[in-house]
């Protein structure tokens, strides 16, 4: 229960930052969708019973707040969450390093999902020169900010790992 409550507070905080602060930053500082990194974090370190409902709520909230096609954020968050769910069992690198790499890949996955959705609606190619620059900029910012997000998520969820009785980082 505590994990879900903390997750909902994180979602609200990230949505507030994304909708009320980031739009007013200069073009060069336009970040990516931080909820993708949160989906990666939940997929690696939290039980599936916590992750699925939280990602559904996050996706529905972003779908309601954005002008994007309905369900696109929901689909992208669930894809990232489910695809990266068992990666830690296949890849043997440090917890934080895996989170960094998967956050960058997750941003790419979300951009591909958005590109396919845009192409299916308008038949206009999504990956043009301008969008390529935007995607590369988002990948760069994912590389820069992922360590800070990981530290924040670890700090916020550290009490729930101890409360779960496992004492492990993933609490699964």
Foldseek 3Di string as FASTA:
>chain_A
DLLLVLLLVVLVVQVCCLPPPQVPDDPLSNEFRCVLLVLLVCLQAEDPVNNLVSLQVSQQVVQVVDPAPHPLSSVLSVCLNVVNNCVCVVDDDDPLVVSLVSSLVSSVSSLVSSQVSVCVVPVDHDDDPVVVVVNVSNSVVSNVCSVVVVVVVCVSCVVVCVVLVPNDRRSD
